[in-house]
PDB file of N, CA and C in Angstrom:
ATOM      1  N   MET A   1      -5.745 -13.269   5.860  1.00  0.00           N
ATOM      2  CA  MET A   1      -4.653 -13.954   5.145  1.00  0.00           C
ATOM      3  C   MET A   1      -3.119 -13.271   5.893  1.00  0.00           C
ATOM      4  N   LYS A   2      -2.088 -14.350   6.652  1.00  0.00           N
ATOM      5  CA  LYS A   2      -1.131 -14.056   7.149  1.00  0.00           C
ATOM      6  C   LYS A   2      -0.251 -13.020   6.832  1.00  0.00           C
ATOM      7  N   LEU A   3      -0.016 -13.376   5.077  1.00  0.00           N
ATOM      8  CA  LEU A   3       0.781 -12.681   4.392  1.00  0.00           C
ATOM      9  C   LEU A   3       0.388 -10.958   4.184  1.00  0.00           C
ATOM     10  N   ILE A   4      -0.969 -10.787   4.157  1.00  0.00           N
ATOM     11  CA  ILE A   4      -1.473  -9.202   4.385  1.00  0.00           C
ATOM     12  C   ILE A   4      -1.290  -8.356   5.685  1.00  0.00           C
ATOM     13  N   ALA A   5      -1.267  -9.116   6.727  1.00  0.00           N
ATOM     14  CA  ALA A   5      -0.927  -8.739   8.336  1.00  0.00           C
ATOM     15  C   ALA A   5       0.525  -8.391   8.225  1.00  0.00           C
ATOM     16  N   LYS A   6       0.904  -9.512   7.845  1.00  0.00           N
ATOM     17  CA  LYS A   6       3.034  -9.141   8.074  1.00  0.00           C
ATOM     18  C   LYS A   6       2.802  -8.188   7.301  1.00  0.00           C
ATOM     19  N   LEU A   7       2.376  -7.938   5.712  1.00  0.00           N
ATOM     20  CA  LEU A   7       2.770  -7.249   4.961  1.00  0.00           C
ATOM     21  C   LEU A   7       2.659  -5.201   5.599  1.00  0.00           C
ATOM     22  N   ASN A   8       1.127  -5.329   6.103  1.00  0.00           N
ATOM     23  CA  ASN A   8       0.726  -4.273   6.774  1.00  0.00           C
ATOM     24  C   ASN A   8       1.303  -3.614   7.754  1.00  0.00           C
ATOM     25  N   ALA A   9       1.911  -4.684   8.503  1.00  0.00           N
ATOM     26  CA  ALA A   9       2.856  -4.263   9.437  1.00  0.00           C
ATOM     27  C   ALA A   9       4.395  -3.439   9.460  1.00  0.00           C
ATOM     28  N   ALA A  10       4.876  -3.867   7.958  1.00  0.00           N
ATOM     29  CA  ALA A  10       6.028  -3.064   7.570  1.00  0.00           C
ATOM     30  C   ALA A  10       5.726  -2.136   7.342  1.00  0.00           C
ATOM     31  N   VAL A  11       4.619  -2.189   6.274  1.00  0.00           N
ATOM     32  CA  VAL A  11       4.271  -0.729   5.454  1.00  0.00           C
ATOM     33  C   VAL A  11       3.513   0.078   6.438  1.00  0.00           C
ATOM     34  N   ALA A  12       2.744   0.101   7.449  1.00  0.00           N
ATOM     35  CA  ALA A  12       2.402   0.840   8.493  1.00  0.00           C
ATOM     36  C   ALA A  12       3.887   1.449   9.217  1.00  0.00           C
ATOM     37  N   GLY A  13       4.917   0.612   9.887  1.00  0.00           N
ATOM     38  CA  GLY A  13       6.127   1.020  10.389  1.00  0.00           C
ATOM     39  C   GLY A  13       6.869   1.991   9.373  1.00  0.00           C
ATOM     40  N   TRP A  14       7.032   1.825   8.235  1.00  0.00           N
ATOM     41  CA  TRP A  14       7.567   2.520   7.486  1.00  0.00           C
ATOM     42  C   TRP A  14       6.485   3.875   7.119  1.00  0.00           C
ATOM     43  N   VAL A  15       5.682   3.791   6.510  1.00  0.00           N
ATOM     44  CA  VAL A  15       4.491   4.887   6.475  1.00  0.00           C
ATOM     45  C   VAL A  15       4.876   5.979   7.985  1.00  0.00           C
ATOM     46  N   ASN A  16       4.850   5.059   9.005  1.00  0.00           N
ATOM     47  CA  ASN A  16       4.386   6.498   9.901  1.00  0.00           C
ATOM     48  C   ASN A  16       5.875   6.619  10.373  1.00  0.00           C
ATOM     49  N   TYR A  17       6.990   6.038   9.953  1.00  0.00           N
ATOM     50  CA  TYR A  17       8.190   6.656  10.541  1.00  0.00           C
ATOM     51  C   TYR A  17       8.866   7.768   8.923  1.00  0.00           C
ATOM     52  N   PHE A  18       8.334   7.788   7.697  1.00  0.00           N
ATOM     53  CA  PHE A  18       8.528   8.723   6.831  1.00  0.00           C
ATOM     54  C   PHE A  18       7.279   9.466   6.703  1.00  0.00           C
ATOM     55  N   ARG A  19       6.330   9.762   7.056  1.00  0.00           N
ATOM     56  CA  ARG A  19       5.216  10.759   6.776  1.00  0.00           C
ATOM     57  C   ARG A  19       5.260  11.640   6.843  1.00  0.00           C
ATOM     58  N   VAL A  20       6.241  12.288   8.001  1.00  0.00           N
ATOM     59  CA  VAL A  20       6.511  13.869   8.363  1.00  0.00           C
ATOM     60  C   VAL A  20       7.376  14.235   7.033  1.00  0.00           C
ATOM     61  N   GLY A  21       6.780  15.592   6.419  1.00  0.00           N
ATOM     62  CA  GLY A  21       7.484  15.722   5.117  1.00  0.00           C
ATOM     63  C   GLY A  21       7.028  15.745   4.521  1.00  0.00           C
ATOM     64  N   ASN A  22       7.616  15.695   2.907  1.00  0.00           N
ATOM     65  CA  ASN A  22       6.956  16.000   1.973  1.00  0.00           C
ATOM     66  C   ASN A  22       7.505  14.268   1.473  1.00  0.00           C
ATOM     67  N   ALA A  23       6.585  13.345   1.555  1.00  0.00           N
ATOM     68  CA  ALA A  23       6.680  11.881   1.009  1.00  0.00           C
ATOM     69  C   ALA A  23       5.725  11.304   0.363  1.00  0.00           C
ATOM     70  N   SER A  24       4.629  12.091  -0.217  1.00  0.00           N
ATOM     71  CA  SER A  24       3.561  11.957  -0.586  1.00  0.00           C
ATOM     72  C   SER A  24       3.881  11.053  -2.204  1.00  0.00           C
ATOM     73  N   ARG A  25       4.969  11.580  -2.612  1.00  0.00           N
ATOM     74  CA  ARG A  25       5.101  11.148  -4.479  1.00  0.00           C
ATOM     75  C   ARG A  25       5.779   9.682  -3.761  1.00  0.00           C
ATOM     76  N   ALA A  26       6.773   9.506  -3.135  1.00  0.00           N
ATOM     77  CA  ALA A  26       7.351   8.063  -2.513  1.00  0.00           C
ATOM     78  C   ALA A  26       6.559   7.297  -2.388  1.00  0.00           C
ATOM     79  N   PHE A  27       5.319   7.278  -1.463  1.00  0.00           N
ATOM     80  CA  PHE A  27       3.946   6.725  -1.063  1.00  0.00           C
ATOM     81  C   PHE A  27       3.107   6.276  -2.175  1.00  0.00           C
ATOM     82  N   SER A  28       2.856   7.465  -2.752  1.00  0.00           N
ATOM     83  CA  SER A  28       2.548   6.758  -4.514  1.00  0.00           C
ATOM     84  C   SER A  28       3.297   5.531  -5.187  1.00  0.00           C
ATOM     85  N   GLU A  29       4.145   5.787  -5.577  1.00  0.00           N
ATOM     86  CA  GLU A  29       4.796   5.099  -5.932  1.00  0.00           C
ATOM     87  C   GLU A  29       5.356   3.458  -5.147  1.00  0.00           C
ATOM     88  N   VAL A  30       5.061   3.591  -3.848  1.00  0.00           N
ATOM     89  CA  VAL A  30       5.263   2.129  -3.370  1.00  0.00           C
ATOM     90  C   VAL A  30       4.091   1.776  -3.258  1.00  0.00           C
ATOM     91  N   ARG A  31       2.895   2.742  -3.136  1.00  0.00           N
ATOM     92  CA  ARG A  31       1.700   1.804  -2.924  1.00  0.00           C
ATOM     93  C   ARG A  31       1.325   1.405  -4.162  1.00  0.00           C
ATOM     94  N   ASP A  32       1.167   2.040  -5.524  1.00  0.00           N
ATOM     95  CA  ASP A  32       1.379   1.464  -6.747  1.00  0.00           C
ATOM     96  C   ASP A  32       2.053   0.062  -7.021  1.00  0.00           C
ATOM     97  N   TYR A  33       3.179   0.323  -6.314  1.00  0.00           N
ATOM     98  CA  TYR A  33       3.937  -1.207  -6.662  1.00  0.00           C
ATOM     99  C   TYR A  33       3.297  -2.375  -5.409  1.00  0.00           C
ATOM    100  N   LEU A  34       2.931  -1.695  -4.279  1.00  0.00           N
ATOM    101  CA  LEU A  34       2.591  -2.953  -3.583  1.00  0.00           C
ATOM    102  C   LEU A  34       1.476  -3.680  -3.794  1.00  0.00           C
ATOM    103  N   GLU A  35       0.530  -2.717  -4.718  1.00  0.00           N
ATOM    104  CA  GLU A  35      -0.753  -2.875  -5.019  1.00  0.00           C
ATOM    105  C   GLU A  35      -0.766  -4.204  -6.416  1.00  0.00           C
ATOM    106  N   MET A  36       0.407  -4.078  -6.694  1.00  0.00           N
ATOM    107  CA  MET A  36       0.841  -4.619  -8.573  1.00  0.00           C
ATOM    108  C   MET A  36       1.172  -6.119  -7.818  1.00  0.00           C
ATOM    109  N   LYS A  37       1.928  -5.846  -6.958  1.00  0.00           N
ATOM    110  CA  LYS A  37       2.616  -7.244  -6.503  1.00  0.00           C
ATOM    111  C   LYS A  37       1.802  -8.096  -5.452  1.00  0.00           C
ATOM    112  N   VAL A  38       0.705  -7.180  -4.783  1.00  0.00           N
ATOM    113  CA  VAL A  38      -0.626  -8.306  -4.450  1.00  0.00           C
ATOM    114  C   VAL A  38      -1.621  -9.364  -5.189  1.00  0.00           C
ATOM    115  N   ARG A  39      -1.508  -8.195  -6.404  1.00  0.00           N
ATOM    116  CA  ARG A  39      -2.450  -8.869  -7.600  1.00  0.00           C
ATOM    117  C   ARG A  39      -1.471  -9.869  -8.136  1.00  0.00           C
ATOM    118  N   THR A  40      -0.188  -9.630  -8.323  1.00  0.00           N
ATOM    119  CA  THR A  40       0.412 -11.064  -9.244  1.00  0.00           C
ATOM    120  C   THR A  40       0.509 -11.920  -8.315  1.00  0.00           C
ATOM    121  N   LEU A  41       0.607 -11.488  -7.167  1.00  0.00           N
ATOM    122  CA  LEU A  41       0.447 -13.237  -6.458  1.00  0.00           C
ATOM    123  C   LEU A  41      -0.654 -13.784  -6.510  1.00  0.00           C
ATOM    124  N   LEU A  42      -1.708 -13.152  -6.089  1.00  0.00           N
ATOM    125  CA  LEU A  42      -3.359 -13.246  -6.174  1.00  0.00           C
ATOM    126  C   LEU A  42      -3.777 -14.118  -7.659  1.00  0.00           C
ATOM    127  N   THR A  43      -2.882 -13.250  -8.447  1.00  0.00           N
ATOM    128  CA  THR A  43      -3.322 -14.481  -9.990  1.00  0.00           C
ATOM    129  C   THR A  43      -2.197 -15.838 -10.023  1.00  0.00           C
ATOM    130  N   ARG A  44      -1.468 -15.478  -9.349  1.00  0.00           N
ATOM    131  CA  ARG A  44      -0.098 -16.934  -9.079  1.00  0.00           C
ATOM    132  C   ARG A  44      -1.275 -18.137  -8.527  1.00  0.00           C
ATOM    133  N   ARG A  45      -1.256 -17.361  -7.497  1.00  0.00           N
ATOM    134  CA  ARG A  45      -2.153 -18.317  -6.602  1.00  0.00           C
ATOM    135  C   ARG A  45      -3.584 -18.858  -7.145  1.00  0.00           C
ATOM    136  N   LYS A  46      -3.921 -18.495  -8.107  1.00  0.00           N
ATOM    137  CA  LYS A  46      -5.421 -18.713  -8.607  1.00  0.00           C
ATOM    138  C   LYS A  46      -5.018 -19.615  -9.794  1.00  0.00           C
ATOM    139  N   ARG A  47      -3.495 -19.801  -9.695  1.00  0.00           N
ATOM    140  CA  ARG A  47      -2.997 -20.505 -11.254  1.00  0.00           C
ATOM    141  C   ARG A  47      -3.321 -20.306 -12.792  1.00  0.00           C
ATOM    142  N   ARG A  48      -3.655 -18.655 -13.027  1.00  0.00           N
ATOM    143  CA  ARG A  48      -4.332 -18.667 -14.149  1.00  0.00           C
ATOM    144  C   ARG A  48      -2.916 -18.400 -15.175  1.00  0.00           C
ATOM    145  N   GLN A  49      -2.779 -18.679 -16.446  1.00  0.00           N
ATOM    146  CA  GLN A  49      -2.426 -18.729 -17.494  1.00  0.00           C
ATOM    147  C   GLN A  49      -2.544 -17.312 -18.062  1.00  0.00           C
ATOM    148  N   LYS A  50      -2.540 -15.989 -17.590  1.00  0.00           N
ATOM    149  CA  LYS A  50      -2.732 -14.902 -17.923  1.00  0.00           C
ATOM    150  C   LYS A  50      -1.287 -14.000 -17.924  1.00  0.00           C
ATOM    151  N   THR A  51      -1.593 -13.070 -19.236  1.00  0.00           N
ATOM    152  CA  THR A  51      -0.020 -12.582 -18.758  1.00  0.00           C
ATOM    153  C   THR A  51      -0.505 -10.958 -17.958  1.00  0.00           C
ATOM    154  N   SER A  52      -1.576 -10.856 -17.594  1.00  0.00           N
ATOM    155  CA  SER A  52      -2.346  -9.413 -17.244  1.00  0.00           C
ATOM    156  C   SER A  52      -1.836  -9.158 -15.429  1.00  0.00           C
ATOM    157  N   VAL A  53      -2.289  -8.439 -14.946  1.00  0.00           N
ATOM    158  CA  VAL A  53      -1.512  -8.806 -13.287  1.00  0.00           C
ATOM    159  C   VAL A  53      -2.739  -8.459 -12.511  1.00  0.00           C
ATOM    160  N   GLY A  54      -4.435  -8.771 -12.992  1.00  0.00           N
ATOM    161  CA  GLY A  54      -5.254  -8.973 -12.405  1.00  0.00           C
ATOM    162  C   GLY A  54      -6.312  -7.670 -12.010  1.00  0.00           C
ATOM    163  N   TRP A  55      -6.027  -6.523 -12.807  1.00  0.00           N
ATOM    164  CA  TRP A  55      -6.800  -5.620 -12.281  1.00  0.00           C
ATOM    165  C   TRP A  55      -8.216  -5.528 -12.188  1.00  0.00           C
ATOM    166  N   ARG A  56      -8.865  -6.117 -13.337  1.00  0.00           N
ATOM    167  CA  ARG A  56     -10.309  -6.022 -13.328  1.00  0.00           C
ATOM    168  C   ARG A  56     -10.465  -7.492 -11.985  1.00  0.00           C
ATOM    169  N   ARG A  57      -9.744  -8.241 -12.035  1.00  0.00           N
ATOM    170  CA  ARG A  57     -10.747  -9.330 -11.030  1.00  0.00           C
ATOM    171  C   ARG A  57     -10.294  -8.806  -9.774  1.00  0.00           C
ATOM    172  N   TRP A  58      -8.955  -8.542  -9.061  1.00  0.00           N
ATOM    173  CA  TRP A  58      -8.562  -8.132  -7.752  1.00  0.00           C
ATOM    174  C   TRP A  58      -8.715  -6.467  -7.767  1.00  0.00           C
ATOM    175  N   SER A  59      -9.870  -5.640  -7.433  1.00  0.00           N
ATOM    176  CA  SER A  59      -9.869  -3.989  -7.823  1.00  0.00           C
ATOM    177  C   SER A  59      -9.188  -3.424  -6.931  1.00  0.00           C
ATOM    178  N   ASN A  60      -9.300  -2.508  -6.727  1.00  0.00           N
ATOM    179  CA  ASN A  60      -8.712  -1.544  -5.384  1.00  0.00           C
ATOM    180  C   ASN A  60     -10.125  -2.004  -3.944  1.00  0.00           C
ATOM    181  N   GLU A  61     -11.029  -1.862  -4.198  1.00  0.00           N
ATOM    182  CA  GLU A  61     -12.156  -2.405  -3.774  1.00  0.00           C
ATOM    183  C   GLU A  61     -12.101  -3.573  -2.809  1.00  0.00           C
ATOM    184  N   TYR A  62     -11.517  -4.477  -3.725  1.00  0.00           N
ATOM    185  CA  TYR A  62     -11.238  -5.965  -2.809  1.00  0.00           C
ATOM    186  C   TYR A  62      -9.797  -5.953  -2.360  1.00  0.00           C
ATOM    187  N   LEU A  63      -8.947  -5.188  -2.477  1.00  0.00           N
ATOM    188  CA  LEU A  63      -7.306  -4.931  -2.342  1.00  0.00           C
ATOM    189  C   LEU A  63      -7.421  -4.535  -0.878  1.00  0.00           C
ATOM    190  N   TYR A  64      -8.650  -3.251  -0.703  1.00  0.00           N
ATOM    191  CA  TYR A  64      -8.743  -2.285   0.756  1.00  0.00           C
ATOM    192  C   TYR A  64      -9.511  -2.814   1.611  1.00  0.00           C
ATOM    193  N   GLY A  65     -10.797  -3.388   0.721  1.00  0.00           N
ATOM    194  CA  GLY A  65     -12.266  -3.426   1.590  1.00  0.00           C
ATOM    195  C   GLY A  65     -12.140  -5.053   2.681  1.00  0.00           C
ATOM    196  N   VAL A  66     -11.881  -5.793   1.300  1.00  0.00           N
ATOM    197  CA  VAL A  66     -12.013  -7.427   1.934  1.00  0.00           C
ATOM    198  C   VAL A  66     -10.596  -7.882   2.080  1.00  0.00           C
ATOM    199  N   LEU A  67      -9.469  -7.607   1.657  1.00  0.00           N
ATOM    200  CA  LEU A  67      -8.381  -8.424   2.298  1.00  0.00           C
ATOM    201  C   LEU A  67      -7.660  -7.313   2.998  1.00  0.00           C
ATOM    202  N   GLY A  68      -8.072  -5.958   3.212  1.00  0.00           N
ATOM    203  CA  GLY A  68      -7.485  -5.222   4.481  1.00  0.00           C
ATOM    204  C   GLY A  68      -6.295  -4.917   4.124  1.00  0.00           C
ATOM    205  N   LEU A  69      -5.701  -4.291   3.092  1.00  0.00           N
ATOM    206  CA  LEU A  69      -4.578  -3.777   2.769  1.00  0.00           C
ATOM    207  C   LEU A  69      -4.351  -2.494   3.364  1.00  0.00           C
ATOM    208  N   PHE A  70      -3.221  -1.835   3.854  1.00  0.00           N
ATOM    209  CA  PHE A  70      -3.328  -0.867   4.413  1.00  0.00           C
ATOM    210  C   PHE A  70      -3.511   0.151   3.743  1.00  0.00           C
ATOM    211  N   TRP A  71      -3.801   1.270   3.881  1.00  0.00           N
ATOM    212  CA  TRP A  71      -4.093   2.146   3.133  1.00  0.00           C
ATOM    213  C   TRP A  71      -3.882   4.118   4.017  1.00  0.00           C
ATOM    214  N   ASP A  72      -3.488   3.947   5.186  1.00  0.00           N
ATOM    215  CA  ASP A  72      -3.214   5.598   5.613  1.00  0.00           C
ATOM    216  C   ASP A  72      -1.805   5.801   4.851  1.00  0.00           C
ATOM    217  N   TRP A  73      -2.086   6.430   3.879  1.00  0.00           N
ATOM    218  CA  TRP A  73      -1.115   6.701   3.242  1.00  0.00           C
ATOM    219  C   TRP A  73      -0.814   8.256   3.647  1.00  0.00           C
ATOM    220  N   LYS A  74      -1.558   9.235   4.077  1.00  0.00           N
ATOM    221  CA  LYS A  74      -1.505  10.333   4.119  1.00  0.00           C
ATOM    222  C   LYS A  74      -0.240  11.257   4.464  1.00  0.00           C
ATOM    223  N   THR A  75       0.468  12.280   4.470  1.00  0.00           N
ATOM    224  CA  THR A  75       1.378  12.916   5.091  1.00  0.00           C
ATOM    225  C   THR A  75       1.315  13.729   5.981  1.00  0.00           C
ATOM    226  N   ARG A  76       1.915  13.707   6.855  1.00  0.00           N
ATOM    227  CA  ARG A  76       1.191  14.905   7.879  1.00  0.00           C
ATOM    228  C   ARG A  76       2.502  16.123   8.534  1.00  0.00           C
ATOM    229  N   PRO A  77       2.026  17.247   8.511  1.00  0.00           N
ATOM    230  CA  PRO A  77       3.142  18.294   9.095  1.00  0.00           C
ATOM    231  C   PRO A  77       3.820  17.971  10.247  1.00  0.00           C
ATOM    232  N   LEU A  78       5.090  18.373  10.768  1.00  0.00           N
ATOM    233  CA  LEU A  78       5.568  18.046  11.526  1.00  0.00           C
ATOM    234  C   LEU A  78       4.822  18.956  12.735  1.00  0.00           C
ATOM    235  N   THR A  79       4.849  18.530  13.927  1.00  0.00           N
ATOM    236  CA  THR A  79       3.889  19.323  15.148  1.00  0.00           C
ATOM    237  C   THR A  79       4.919  20.187  15.628  1.00  0.00           C
ATOM    238  N   GLY A  80       4.338  21.157  16.309  1.00  0.00           N
ATOM    239  CA  GLY A  80       5.532  21.970  16.902  1.00  0.00           C
ATOM    240  C   GLY A  80       6.277  22.908  15.793  1.00  0.00           C
ATOM    241  N   ALA A  81       6.126  23.348  14.478  1.00  0.00           N
ATOM    242  CA  ALA A  81       7.004  23.444  13.567  1.00  0.00           C
ATOM    243  C   ALA A  81       6.570  25.052  12.572  1.00  0.00           C
ATOM    244  N   GLU A  82       5.967  25.163  13.632  1.00  0.00           N
ATOM    245  CA  GLU A  82       4.987  26.532  12.891  1.00  0.00           C
ATOM    246  C   GLU A  82       5.980  27.494  13.524  1.00  0.00           C
ATOM    247  N   GLY A  83       6.406  27.243  14.644  1.00  0.00           N
ATOM    248  CA  GLY A  83       7.277  28.684  15.001  1.00  0.00           C
ATOM    249  C   GLY A  83       8.357  29.010  14.641  1.00  0.00           C
ATOM    250  N   PHE A  84       8.996  28.197  13.678  1.00  0.00           N
ATOM    251  CA  PHE A  84      10.419  28.133  13.024  1.00  0.00           C
ATOM    252  C   PHE A  84      10.078  28.796  11.642  1.00  0.00           C
ATOM    253  N   ALA A  85       8.980  28.961  10.989  1.00  0.00           N
ATOM    254  CA  ALA A  85       8.524  29.812  10.211  1.00  0.00           C
ATOM    255  C   ALA A  85       8.933  30.675   9.806  1.00  0.00           C
TER     256      ALA A  85
END
Protein backbone atom coordinates (compact mmCIF):
# COMPACT_ATOMS: atom_id res chain seq x y z
CA MET A 1 0.00 0.00 0.00
CA LYS A 2 1.57 3.28 -1.13
CA LEU A 3 0.00 5.25 1.70
CA ILE A 4 1.57 3.02 4.36
CA ALA A 5 5.00 3.38 2.67
CA LYS A 6 4.73 7.19 2.70
CA LEU A 7 3.44 7.18 6.25
CA ASN A 8 6.25 4.89 7.40
CA ALA A 9 8.88 7.14 5.84
CA ALA A 10 7.52 10.22 7.60
CA VAL A 11 7.05 8.50 10.96
CA ALA A 12 10.47 6.81 10.82
CA GLY A 13 12.17 10.15 10.22
CA TRP A 14 10.26 11.79 13.05
CA VAL A 15 10.96 8.92 15.46
CA ASN A 16 14.67 8.80 14.61
CA TYR A 17 14.95 12.54 15.24
CA PHE A 18 13.15 12.49 18.60
CA ARG A 19 14.09 9.06 19.92
CA VAL A 20 17.02 10.28 22.02
CA GLY A 21 15.69 11.38 25.37
CA ASN A 22 12.39 10.93 27.13
CA ALA A 23 9.84 10.81 24.31
CA SER A 24 8.18 7.47 25.08
CA ARG A 25 4.95 9.12 26.28
CA ALA A 26 4.69 11.24 23.14
CA PHE A 27 5.52 8.19 21.00
CA SER A 28 2.71 6.26 22.65
CA GLU A 29 0.20 9.01 21.92
CA VAL A 30 1.32 9.38 18.31
CA ARG A 31 1.26 5.59 17.78
CA ASP A 32 -2.29 5.35 19.16
CA TYR A 33 -3.43 8.24 16.98
CA LEU A 34 -1.78 6.74 13.91
CA GLU A 35 -3.43 3.35 14.52
CA MET A 36 -6.83 5.00 14.89
CA LYS A 37 -6.44 7.01 11.68
CA VAL A 38 -5.34 3.98 9.64
CA ARG A 39 -8.28 1.97 10.98
CA THR A 40 -10.64 4.83 10.14
CA LEU A 41 -9.26 4.96 6.60
CA LEU A 42 -9.67 1.20 6.17
CA THR A 43 -13.24 1.37 7.48
CA ARG A 44 -14.10 4.17 5.04
CA ARG A 45 -12.55 2.32 2.13
CA LYS A 46 -14.73 -0.70 2.86
CA ARG A 47 -17.73 1.67 2.82
CA ARG A 48 -19.18 0.35 6.01
CA GLN A 49 -21.86 2.36 7.75
CA LYS A 50 -20.57 1.64 11.25
CA THR A 51 -19.60 4.16 13.88
CA SER A 52 -16.79 2.01 15.28
CA VAL A 53 -13.27 2.48 14.02
CA GLY A 54 -12.57 -1.20 13.26
CA TRP A 55 -10.42 -2.48 16.11
CA ARG A 56 -11.90 -5.97 15.80
CA ARG A 57 -11.66 -6.16 12.03
CA TRP A 58 -8.20 -4.59 11.76
CA SER A 59 -6.18 -5.76 14.74
CA ASN A 60 -2.64 -4.68 15.57
CA GLU A 61 -1.43 -7.93 14.02
CA TYR A 62 -3.04 -6.89 10.73
CA LEU A 63 -1.77 -3.30 10.86
CA TYR A 64 1.80 -4.23 11.71
CA GLY A 65 2.09 -7.73 10.25
CA VAL A 66 0.12 -7.54 7.00
CA LEU A 67 0.24 -3.83 6.15
CA GLY A 68 3.73 -3.31 7.57
CA LEU A 69 3.01 -0.19 9.60
CA PHE A 70 6.09 1.31 11.33
CA TRP A 71 6.80 -0.32 14.70
CA ASP A 72 10.24 0.80 16.01
CA TRP A 73 9.07 3.26 18.67
CA LYS A 74 11.80 2.62 21.26
CA THR A 75 13.71 5.51 22.76
CA ARG A 76 17.47 5.22 23.08
CA PRO A 77 19.93 6.90 25.42
CA LEU A 78 22.31 9.47 23.99
CA THR A 79 25.57 7.75 23.09
CA GLY A 80 28.63 9.18 24.79
CA ALA A 81 26.60 10.90 27.53
CA GLU A 82 27.81 8.54 30.28
CA GLY A 83 30.78 10.78 31.10
CA PHE A 84 28.57 13.80 31.83
CA ALA A 85 26.58 12.20 34.67
